[in-house]
């Protein structure tokens, strides 16, 4: 049986983002207290629609 945390649907919100030499580094947090870090490559962006969502 899954735990409550396993069935929780996270609602990630951007806490901060930083331009680094490898691209854009984004720190996301959920109201439950979990954190997630994502990144997008500097150039070229293989999936621009995804990069737009992350940067929003």
C-alpha atoms as a PDB file:
ATOM      1  CA  UNK A   1       0.000   0.000   0.000  1.00  0.00           C
ATOM      2  CA  UNK A   2       1.463   3.387  -1.000  1.00  0.00           C
ATOM      3  CA  UNK A   3       2.217   5.930   1.678  1.00  0.00           C
ATOM      4  CA  UNK A   4       0.575   9.347   1.725  1.00  0.00           C
ATOM      5  CA  UNK A   5       3.773  10.933   0.404  1.00  0.00           C
ATOM      6  CA  UNK A   6       3.852   8.550  -2.561  1.00  0.00           C
ATOM      7  CA  UNK A   7       0.338   9.521  -3.708  1.00  0.00           C
ATOM      8  CA  UNK A   8       0.782  13.265  -3.081  1.00  0.00           C
ATOM      9  CA  UNK A   9       0.650  15.279  -6.300  1.00  0.00           C
ATOM     10  CA  UNK A  10       3.344  17.916  -6.002  1.00  0.00           C
ATOM     11  CA  UNK A  11       2.622  21.468  -7.063  1.00  0.00           C
ATOM     12  CA  UNK A  12       6.059  22.812  -7.827  1.00  0.00           C
ATOM     13  CA  UNK A  13       6.653  26.541  -7.531  1.00  0.00           C
ATOM     14  CA  UNK A  14       9.838  28.289  -8.584  1.00  0.00           C
ATOM     15  CA  UNK A  15      11.736  29.448  -5.531  1.00  0.00           C
ATOM     16  CA  UNK A  16      14.695  30.840  -7.457  1.00  0.00           C
ATOM     17  CA  UNK A  17      16.530  30.455 -10.741  1.00  0.00           C
ATOM     18  CA  UNK A  18      20.118  31.182 -11.700  1.00  0.00           C
ATOM     19  CA  UNK A  19      21.858  31.525 -15.018  1.00  0.00           C
ATOM     20  CA  UNK A  20      24.994  29.361 -14.949  1.00  0.00           C
ATOM     21  CA  UNK A  21      27.534  28.467 -17.621  1.00  0.00           C
ATOM     22  CA  UNK A  22      25.704  25.192 -18.341  1.00  0.00           C
ATOM     23  CA  UNK A  23      22.273  26.861 -18.719  1.00  0.00           C
ATOM     24  CA  UNK A  24      19.473  27.742 -16.324  1.00  0.00           C
ATOM     25  CA  UNK A  25      19.344  26.174 -12.845  1.00  0.00           C
ATOM     26  CA  UNK A  26      15.910  26.272 -11.185  1.00  0.00           C
ATOM     27  CA  UNK A  27      15.057  25.504  -7.560  1.00  0.00           C
ATOM     28  CA  UNK A  28      11.451  24.385  -7.081  1.00  0.00           C
ATOM     29  CA  UNK A  29       9.551  23.748  -3.870  1.00  0.00           C
ATOM     30  CA  UNK A  30       6.246  22.110  -3.006  1.00  0.00           C
ATOM     31  CA  UNK A  31       3.926  23.106  -0.161  1.00  0.00           C
ATOM     32  CA  UNK A  32       4.603  19.689   1.425  1.00  0.00           C
ATOM     33  CA  UNK A  33       8.227  20.738   2.032  1.00  0.00           C
ATOM     34  CA  UNK A  34       9.968  18.772  -0.730  1.00  0.00           C
ATOM     35  CA  UNK A  35      12.503  20.463  -3.010  1.00  0.00           C
ATOM     36  CA  UNK A  36      13.501  19.756  -6.589  1.00  0.00           C
ATOM     37  CA  UNK A  37      16.276  21.155  -8.769  1.00  0.00           C
ATOM     38  CA  UNK A  38      15.988  21.234 -12.551  1.00  0.00           C
ATOM     39  CA  UNK A  39      18.186  22.601 -15.277  1.00  0.00           C
ATOM     40  CA  UNK A  40      17.963  23.423 -18.949  1.00  0.00           C
ATOM     41  CA  UNK A  41      20.923  23.550 -21.307  1.00  0.00           C
ATOM     42  CA  UNK A  42      22.232  26.928 -22.387  1.00  0.00           C
ATOM     43  CA  UNK A  43      22.211  26.308 -26.163  1.00  0.00           C
ATOM     44  CA  UNK A  44      20.597  24.810 -28.112  1.00  0.00           C
ATOM     45  CA  UNK A  45      17.359  24.079 -26.296  1.00  0.00           C
ATOM     46  CA  UNK A  46      16.110  20.761 -27.612  1.00  0.00           C
ATOM     47  CA  UNK A  47      12.556  21.277 -26.319  1.00  0.00           C
ATOM     48  CA  UNK A  48      11.772  25.018 -26.131  1.00  0.00           C
ATOM     49  CA  UNK A  49       8.226  24.417 -24.860  1.00  0.00           C
ATOM     50  CA  UNK A  50       9.651  22.675 -21.776  1.00  0.00           C
ATOM     51  CA  UNK A  51      12.217  25.421 -21.190  1.00  0.00           C
ATOM     52  CA  UNK A  52       9.409  27.978 -21.321  1.00  0.00           C
ATOM     53  CA  UNK A  53       7.458  26.127 -18.635  1.00  0.00           C
ATOM     54  CA  UNK A  54      10.437  25.840 -16.334  1.00  0.00           C
ATOM     55  CA  UNK A  55      11.382  29.485 -16.638  1.00  0.00           C
ATOM     56  CA  UNK A  56       7.805  30.703 -16.031  1.00  0.00           C
END
